PDB file of N, CA and C in Angstrom:
ATOM      1  N   GLY A   1       9.269  28.253 -64.979  1.00  0.00           N
ATOM      2  CA  GLY A   1       7.882  28.719 -64.604  1.00  0.00           C
ATOM      3  C   GLY A   1       7.559  28.764 -63.174  1.00  0.00           C
ATOM      4  N   PRO A   2       6.224  29.230 -62.670  1.00  0.00           N
ATOM      5  CA  PRO A   2       6.052  29.487 -61.059  1.00  0.00           C
ATOM      6  C   PRO A   2       6.093  28.154 -60.698  1.00  0.00           C
ATOM      7  N   LEU A   3       6.217  28.095 -59.373  1.00  0.00           N
ATOM      8  CA  LEU A   3       5.937  26.579 -58.722  1.00  0.00           C
ATOM      9  C   LEU A   3       4.674  26.476 -58.248  1.00  0.00           C
ATOM     10  N   PRO A   4       3.857  25.442 -58.078  1.00  0.00           N
ATOM     11  CA  PRO A   4       2.738  25.404 -58.273  1.00  0.00           C
ATOM     12  C   PRO A   4       2.396  25.613 -56.614  1.00  0.00           C
ATOM     13  N   ASN A   5       1.230  25.661 -55.981  1.00  0.00           N
ATOM     14  CA  ASN A   5       0.694  26.201 -54.898  1.00  0.00           C
ATOM     15  C   ASN A   5       0.631  24.704 -54.070  1.00  0.00           C
ATOM     16  N   LEU A   6       1.624  23.959 -53.242  1.00  0.00           N
ATOM     17  CA  LEU A   6       1.434  22.543 -52.697  1.00  0.00           C
ATOM     18  C   LEU A   6       0.917  22.840 -51.478  1.00  0.00           C
ATOM     19  N   TYR A   7       0.118  23.871 -51.084  1.00  0.00           N
ATOM     20  CA  TYR A   7      -0.675  23.651 -49.861  1.00  0.00           C
ATOM     21  C   TYR A   7      -1.831  23.546 -50.188  1.00  0.00           C
ATOM     22  N   ASP A   8      -2.742  24.109 -51.305  1.00  0.00           N
ATOM     23  CA  ASP A   8      -4.016  23.818 -51.901  1.00  0.00           C
ATOM     24  C   ASP A   8      -3.816  23.648 -53.513  1.00  0.00           C
ATOM     25  N   PRO A   9      -3.418  22.484 -54.048  1.00  0.00           N
ATOM     26  CA  PRO A   9      -3.134  22.145 -55.110  1.00  0.00           C
ATOM     27  C   PRO A   9      -4.435  22.292 -56.157  1.00  0.00           C
ATOM     28  N   PHE A  10      -5.589  22.035 -55.530  1.00  0.00           N
ATOM     29  CA  PHE A  10      -6.770  21.937 -56.007  1.00  0.00           C
ATOM     30  C   PHE A  10      -7.431  23.327 -56.079  1.00  0.00           C
ATOM     31  N   GLY A  11      -7.215  24.087 -55.329  1.00  0.00           N
ATOM     32  CA  GLY A  11      -8.304  25.255 -55.083  1.00  0.00           C
ATOM     33  C   GLY A  11      -9.237  24.937 -54.072  1.00  0.00           C
ATOM     34  N   LEU A  12      -9.292  24.315 -53.305  1.00  0.00           N
ATOM     35  CA  LEU A  12     -10.350  24.133 -52.611  1.00  0.00           C
ATOM     36  C   LEU A  12     -10.702  25.325 -52.006  1.00  0.00           C
ATOM     37  N   PHE A  13      -9.713  26.087 -51.351  1.00  0.00           N
ATOM     38  CA  PHE A  13      -9.745  26.882 -50.479  1.00  0.00           C
ATOM     39  C   PHE A  13      -9.482  28.500 -51.027  1.00  0.00           C
ATOM     40  N   LYS A  14     -10.000  28.546 -51.912  1.00  0.00           N
ATOM     41  CA  LYS A  14      -9.955  29.794 -52.572  1.00  0.00           C
ATOM     42  C   LYS A  14     -10.830  31.033 -52.319  1.00  0.00           C
ATOM     43  N   LYS A  15     -12.285  30.558 -51.516  1.00  0.00           N
ATOM     44  CA  LYS A  15     -12.724  31.188 -50.877  1.00  0.00           C
ATOM     45  C   LYS A  15     -12.588  31.847 -49.189  1.00  0.00           C
ATOM     46  N   MET A  16     -11.611  31.194 -48.892  1.00  0.00           N
ATOM     47  CA  MET A  16     -11.473  31.487 -47.777  1.00  0.00           C
ATOM     48  C   MET A  16     -10.611  32.844 -47.099  1.00  0.00           C
ATOM     49  N   SER A  17     -10.777  33.430 -46.339  1.00  0.00           N
ATOM     50  CA  SER A  17      -9.917  34.689 -45.899  1.00  0.00           C
ATOM     51  C   SER A  17      -8.227  34.556 -46.027  1.00  0.00           C
ATOM     52  N   ASP A  18      -7.386  35.139 -46.243  1.00  0.00           N
ATOM     53  CA  ASP A  18      -5.938  35.186 -45.801  1.00  0.00           C
ATOM     54  C   ASP A  18      -5.420  34.300 -44.557  1.00  0.00           C
ATOM     55  N   GLU A  19      -6.180  35.141 -43.694  1.00  0.00           N
ATOM     56  CA  GLU A  19      -6.129  35.367 -41.937  1.00  0.00           C
ATOM     57  C   GLU A  19      -6.280  33.589 -42.004  1.00  0.00           C
ATOM     58  N   GLN A  20      -7.425  33.324 -42.368  1.00  0.00           N
ATOM     59  CA  GLN A  20      -7.948  31.623 -42.326  1.00  0.00           C
ATOM     60  C   GLN A  20      -6.866  30.641 -42.729  1.00  0.00           C
ATOM     61  N   LYS A  21      -6.253  31.225 -44.075  1.00  0.00           N
ATOM     62  CA  LYS A  21      -5.292  30.311 -44.851  1.00  0.00           C
ATOM     63  C   LYS A  21      -3.871  30.329 -44.031  1.00  0.00           C
ATOM     64  N   ALA A  22      -3.295  31.401 -43.813  1.00  0.00           N
ATOM     65  CA  ALA A  22      -2.451  31.435 -42.971  1.00  0.00           C
ATOM     66  C   ALA A  22      -2.647  30.667 -41.821  1.00  0.00           C
ATOM     67  N   ARG A  23      -3.399  30.693 -41.015  1.00  0.00           N
ATOM     68  CA  ARG A  23      -3.779  29.889 -39.931  1.00  0.00           C
ATOM     69  C   ARG A  23      -3.742  28.591 -39.926  1.00  0.00           C
ATOM     70  N   ARG A  24      -4.556  28.120 -41.232  1.00  0.00           N
ATOM     71  CA  ARG A  24      -4.423  26.620 -41.436  1.00  0.00           C
ATOM     72  C   ARG A  24      -2.808  26.159 -42.129  1.00  0.00           C
ATOM     73  N   LEU A  25      -2.458  26.709 -42.552  1.00  0.00           N
ATOM     74  CA  LEU A  25      -0.579  26.843 -43.210  1.00  0.00           C
ATOM     75  C   LEU A  25      -0.116  26.474 -41.893  1.00  0.00           C
ATOM     76  N   ASN A  26      -0.446  27.414 -40.891  1.00  0.00           N
ATOM     77  CA  ASN A  26       0.771  26.957 -39.774  1.00  0.00           C
ATOM     78  C   ASN A  26       0.352  26.065 -39.010  1.00  0.00           C
ATOM     79  N   MET A  27      -0.973  25.661 -38.912  1.00  0.00           N
ATOM     80  CA  MET A  27      -1.401  24.199 -38.384  1.00  0.00           C
ATOM     81  C   MET A  27      -0.928  23.035 -39.353  1.00  0.00           C
ATOM     82  N   GLU A  28      -0.886  23.210 -40.280  1.00  0.00           N
ATOM     83  CA  GLU A  28      -0.089  21.811 -41.162  1.00  0.00           C
ATOM     84  C   GLU A  28       1.420  21.938 -41.296  1.00  0.00           C
ATOM     85  N   VAL A  29       1.971  23.190 -40.726  1.00  0.00           N
ATOM     86  CA  VAL A  29       3.466  23.009 -40.613  1.00  0.00           C
ATOM     87  C   VAL A  29       3.818  22.393 -39.072  1.00  0.00           C
ATOM     88  N   ASN A  30       2.969  22.867 -38.267  1.00  0.00           N
ATOM     89  CA  ASN A  30       3.121  22.543 -36.767  1.00  0.00           C
ATOM     90  C   ASN A  30       2.825  20.790 -36.713  1.00  0.00           C
ATOM     91  N   ASN A  31       1.578  19.986 -37.554  1.00  0.00           N
ATOM     92  CA  ASN A  31       1.456  18.744 -37.581  1.00  0.00           C
ATOM     93  C   ASN A  31       2.570  18.380 -38.027  1.00  0.00           C
ATOM     94  N   GLY A  32       3.256  18.651 -39.268  1.00  0.00           N
ATOM     95  CA  GLY A  32       4.671  17.902 -40.005  1.00  0.00           C
ATOM     96  C   GLY A  32       5.670  17.701 -38.964  1.00  0.00           C
ATOM     97  N   ARG A  33       5.808  18.768 -38.154  1.00  0.00           N
ATOM     98  CA  ARG A  33       6.873  19.008 -37.018  1.00  0.00           C
ATOM     99  C   ARG A  33       6.541  17.945 -36.049  1.00  0.00           C
ATOM    100  N   LEU A  34       5.155  18.007 -35.546  1.00  0.00           N
ATOM    101  CA  LEU A  34       4.947  16.953 -34.261  1.00  0.00           C
ATOM    102  C   LEU A  34       5.435  15.634 -34.903  1.00  0.00           C
ATOM    103  N   ALA A  35       5.037  15.108 -36.368  1.00  0.00           N
ATOM    104  CA  ALA A  35       5.423  14.014 -37.180  1.00  0.00           C
ATOM    105  C   ALA A  35       6.691  13.727 -36.927  1.00  0.00           C
ATOM    106  N   MET A  36       7.354  14.856 -36.821  1.00  0.00           N
ATOM    107  CA  MET A  36       8.944  14.339 -37.314  1.00  0.00           C
ATOM    108  C   MET A  36       9.428  14.060 -36.031  1.00  0.00           C
ATOM    109  N   LEU A  37       9.049  14.693 -34.880  1.00  0.00           N
ATOM    110  CA  LEU A  37       9.371  14.571 -33.684  1.00  0.00           C
ATOM    111  C   LEU A  37       8.998  13.164 -33.267  1.00  0.00           C
ATOM    112  N   GLY A  38       7.775  12.492 -33.639  1.00  0.00           N
ATOM    113  CA  GLY A  38       7.359  11.035 -33.188  1.00  0.00           C
ATOM    114  C   GLY A  38       8.188  10.479 -34.002  1.00  0.00           C
ATOM    115  N   ILE A  39       8.533  10.355 -35.036  1.00  0.00           N
ATOM    116  CA  ILE A  39       9.312   9.560 -35.759  1.00  0.00           C
ATOM    117  C   ILE A  39      10.559   9.541 -35.383  1.00  0.00           C
ATOM    118  N   PHE A  40      11.187  10.445 -35.298  1.00  0.00           N
ATOM    119  CA  PHE A  40      12.862  10.800 -34.407  1.00  0.00           C
ATOM    120  C   PHE A  40      12.875  10.117 -32.918  1.00  0.00           C
ATOM    121  N   GLY A  41      11.248   9.955 -32.207  1.00  0.00           N
ATOM    122  CA  GLY A  41      11.186   9.225 -30.778  1.00  0.00           C
ATOM    123  C   GLY A  41      11.435   7.842 -31.280  1.00  0.00           C
ATOM    124  N   PHE A  42      10.682   7.560 -32.107  1.00  0.00           N
ATOM    125  CA  PHE A  42      10.671   6.185 -32.244  1.00  0.00           C
ATOM    126  C   PHE A  42      11.807   5.530 -32.836  1.00  0.00           C
ATOM    127  N   LEU A  43      12.621   6.265 -33.476  1.00  0.00           N
ATOM    128  CA  LEU A  43      14.145   5.771 -33.911  1.00  0.00           C
ATOM    129  C   LEU A  43      15.005   5.737 -32.717  1.00  0.00           C
ATOM    130  N   SER A  44      14.605   6.638 -31.950  1.00  0.00           N
ATOM    131  CA  SER A  44      15.846   6.704 -30.561  1.00  0.00           C
ATOM    132  C   SER A  44      14.967   5.742 -29.823  1.00  0.00           C
ATOM    133  N   ALA A  45      14.318   5.143 -29.580  1.00  0.00           N
ATOM    134  CA  ALA A  45      13.440   4.219 -28.677  1.00  0.00           C
ATOM    135  C   ALA A  45      13.855   3.032 -29.296  1.00  0.00           C
ATOM    136  N   ASP A  46      13.937   2.744 -30.521  1.00  0.00           N
ATOM    137  CA  ASP A  46      14.444   1.350 -31.001  1.00  0.00           C
ATOM    138  C   ASP A  46      15.954   1.241 -31.023  1.00  0.00           C
ATOM    139  N   SER A  47      16.571   2.414 -31.433  1.00  0.00           N
ATOM    140  CA  SER A  47      18.251   2.375 -31.163  1.00  0.00           C
ATOM    141  C   SER A  47      18.587   2.181 -29.855  1.00  0.00           C
ATOM    142  N   VAL A  48      18.035   2.845 -28.867  1.00  0.00           N
ATOM    143  CA  VAL A  48      18.809   3.258 -27.445  1.00  0.00           C
ATOM    144  C   VAL A  48      17.293   2.642 -26.295  1.00  0.00           C
ATOM    145  N   PRO A  49      17.361   1.132 -26.265  1.00  0.00           N
ATOM    146  CA  PRO A  49      16.277   0.831 -25.399  1.00  0.00           C
ATOM    147  C   PRO A  49      16.207   1.722 -24.108  1.00  0.00           C
ATOM    148  N   GLY A  50      15.019   2.306 -23.511  1.00  0.00           N
ATOM    149  CA  GLY A  50      15.154   2.987 -22.594  1.00  0.00           C
ATOM    150  C   GLY A  50      15.556   4.566 -22.745  1.00  0.00           C
ATOM    151  N   SER A  51      15.770   4.698 -23.780  1.00  0.00           N
ATOM    152  CA  SER A  51      15.923   6.576 -23.893  1.00  0.00           C
ATOM    153  C   SER A  51      14.580   7.341 -24.091  1.00  0.00           C
ATOM    154  N   VAL A  52      13.619   6.595 -24.704  1.00  0.00           N
ATOM    155  CA  VAL A  52      12.522   7.408 -24.662  1.00  0.00           C
ATOM    156  C   VAL A  52      11.532   6.462 -23.654  1.00  0.00           C
ATOM    157  N   PRO A  53      11.386   7.001 -22.209  1.00  0.00           N
ATOM    158  CA  PRO A  53      10.684   6.185 -21.539  1.00  0.00           C
ATOM    159  C   PRO A  53       9.196   5.994 -21.807  1.00  0.00           C
ATOM    160  N   ALA A  54       8.741   6.813 -22.322  1.00  0.00           N
ATOM    161  CA  ALA A  54       6.852   6.608 -22.932  1.00  0.00           C
ATOM    162  C   ALA A  54       6.750   5.780 -23.899  1.00  0.00           C
ATOM    163  N   LEU A  55       7.910   5.433 -24.365  1.00  0.00           N
ATOM    164  CA  LEU A  55       7.776   4.004 -25.560  1.00  0.00           C
ATOM    165  C   LEU A  55       8.534   3.124 -25.225  1.00  0.00           C
ATOM    166  N   THR A  56       8.773   2.679 -24.072  1.00  0.00           N
ATOM    167  CA  THR A  56       9.380   1.596 -23.356  1.00  0.00           C
ATOM    168  C   THR A  56       8.921   0.012 -23.649  1.00  0.00           C
ATOM    169  N   GLU A  57       7.224   0.404 -23.705  1.00  0.00           N
ATOM    170  CA  GLU A  57       6.662  -0.854 -23.731  1.00  0.00           C
ATOM    171  C   GLU A  57       5.988  -1.037 -25.331  1.00  0.00           C
ATOM    172  N   ILE A  58       6.332   0.099 -26.116  1.00  0.00           N
ATOM    173  CA  ILE A  58       6.094  -0.078 -27.306  1.00  0.00           C
ATOM    174  C   ILE A  58       6.885  -0.230 -28.402  1.00  0.00           C
ATOM    175  N   ALA A  59       8.100   0.397 -28.345  1.00  0.00           N
ATOM    176  CA  ALA A  59       8.977   0.443 -28.971  1.00  0.00           C
ATOM    177  C   ALA A  59       9.850  -1.308 -28.899  1.00  0.00           C
ATOM    178  N   LYS A  60      10.194  -1.668 -30.241  1.00  0.00           N
ATOM    179  CA  LYS A  60      11.056  -2.991 -29.869  1.00  0.00           C
ATOM    180  C   LYS A  60      12.191  -2.628 -30.397  1.00  0.00           C
ATOM    181  N   PRO A  61      13.336  -3.503 -29.758  1.00  0.00           N
ATOM    182  CA  PRO A  61      15.182  -3.108 -30.161  1.00  0.00           C
ATOM    183  C   PRO A  61      14.960  -3.158 -31.597  1.00  0.00           C
ATOM    184  N   TYR A  62      16.310  -2.805 -31.949  1.00  0.00           N
ATOM    185  CA  TYR A  62      16.567  -2.644 -33.363  1.00  0.00           C
ATOM    186  C   TYR A  62      18.074  -2.535 -33.807  1.00  0.00           C
ATOM    187  N   ALA A  63      18.907  -3.805 -33.950  1.00  0.00           N
ATOM    188  CA  ALA A  63      20.467  -3.644 -33.726  1.00  0.00           C
ATOM    189  C   ALA A  63      20.803  -3.184 -35.276  1.00  0.00           C
ATOM    190  N   GLY A  64      19.971  -3.088 -36.345  1.00  0.00           N
ATOM    191  CA  GLY A  64      20.363  -2.583 -37.651  1.00  0.00           C
ATOM    192  C   GLY A  64      20.766  -1.040 -37.742  1.00  0.00           C
ATOM    193  N   ASN A  65      21.073  -0.635 -38.686  1.00  0.00           N
ATOM    194  CA  ASN A  65      21.317   0.751 -39.544  1.00  0.00           C
ATOM    195  C   ASN A  65      20.264   1.184 -39.360  1.00  0.00           C
ATOM    196  N   ILE A  66      19.517   2.323 -38.551  1.00  0.00           N
ATOM    197  CA  ILE A  66      18.454   2.901 -38.721  1.00  0.00           C
ATOM    198  C   ILE A  66      18.568   3.904 -39.772  1.00  0.00           C
ATOM    199  N   MET A  67      19.682   4.451 -40.334  1.00  0.00           N
ATOM    200  CA  MET A  67      20.094   5.572 -41.277  1.00  0.00           C
ATOM    201  C   MET A  67      19.887   4.798 -42.822  1.00  0.00           C
ATOM    202  N   VAL A  68      19.952   3.537 -43.102  1.00  0.00           N
ATOM    203  CA  VAL A  68      19.987   2.954 -44.305  1.00  0.00           C
ATOM    204  C   VAL A  68      19.095   3.666 -45.547  1.00  0.00           C
ATOM    205  N   PRO A  69      17.735   4.080 -45.196  1.00  0.00           N
ATOM    206  CA  PRO A  69      17.004   4.583 -46.277  1.00  0.00           C
ATOM    207  C   PRO A  69      17.556   6.104 -46.516  1.00  0.00           C
ATOM    208  N   PHE A  70      18.026   6.863 -45.826  1.00  0.00           N
ATOM    209  CA  PHE A  70      18.629   7.916 -46.139  1.00  0.00           C
ATOM    210  C   PHE A  70      19.983   7.906 -46.572  1.00  0.00           C
ATOM    211  N   GLU A  71      20.631   6.969 -47.067  1.00  0.00           N
ATOM    212  CA  GLU A  71      21.936   6.481 -47.337  1.00  0.00           C
ATOM    213  C   GLU A  71      22.291   6.225 -48.911  1.00  0.00           C
ATOM    214  N   GLY A  72      21.040   6.004 -49.441  1.00  0.00           N
ATOM    215  CA  GLY A  72      20.679   5.721 -50.644  1.00  0.00           C
ATOM    216  C   GLY A  72      21.225   4.065 -51.165  1.00  0.00           C
ATOM    217  N   GLN A  73      21.178   3.270 -50.167  1.00  0.00           N
ATOM    218  CA  GLN A  73      21.964   1.985 -50.298  1.00  0.00           C
ATOM    219  C   GLN A  73      20.707   0.997 -50.027  1.00  0.00           C
ATOM    220  N   PHE A  74      20.318   0.514 -51.120  1.00  0.00           N
ATOM    221  CA  PHE A  74      19.338  -0.310 -51.011  1.00  0.00           C
ATOM    222  C   PHE A  74      19.688  -1.688 -51.579  1.00  0.00           C
ATOM    223  N   THR A  75      20.560  -2.390 -50.872  1.00  0.00           N
ATOM    224  CA  THR A  75      20.796  -3.421 -51.311  1.00  0.00           C
ATOM    225  C   THR A  75      19.847  -4.322 -50.426  1.00  0.00           C
ATOM    226  N   LEU A  76      19.205  -4.047 -49.190  1.00  0.00           N
ATOM    227  CA  LEU A  76      18.534  -4.578 -48.620  1.00  0.00           C
ATOM    228  C   LEU A  76      17.443  -5.172 -49.212  1.00  0.00           C
ATOM    229  N   PHE A  77      17.111  -4.780 -50.383  1.00  0.00           N
ATOM    230  CA  PHE A  77      15.993  -5.065 -51.629  1.00  0.00           C
ATOM    231  C   PHE A  77      16.237  -5.605 -52.681  1.00  0.00           C
ATOM    232  N   GLY A  78      17.498  -6.138 -52.800  1.00  0.00           N
ATOM    233  CA  GLY A  78      17.740  -7.309 -53.595  1.00  0.00           C
ATOM    234  C   GLY A  78      18.860  -6.809 -54.899  1.00  0.00           C
ATOM    235  N   SER A  79      19.121  -5.319 -54.623  1.00  0.00           N
ATOM    236  CA  SER A  79      19.489  -5.004 -55.732  1.00  0.00           C
ATOM    237  C   SER A  79      21.325  -4.748 -55.186  1.00  0.00           C
ATOM    238  N   SER A  80      22.180  -4.710 -56.378  1.00  0.00           N
ATOM    239  CA  SER A  80      23.453  -4.862 -55.984  1.00  0.00           C
ATOM    240  C   SER A  80      23.990  -3.467 -56.349  1.00  0.00           C
TER     241      SER A  80
END
């Protein structure tokens, strides 16, 4: 079947012009990109101390494997 509208699943923006919808969708995509950059900034700063000078005072060194959540390896949570 057709895919649901994930940008406006409840139809709250039906009365908006197509131009306004496109502008808001673009804003949403840009916010997602900025969030990804922020996450990777913290991952970098935690993995390599001093790699992101703006986060030197905030980031805490982490010696573990930062990619474990993306590997599907969940033994950290007690399952084997």
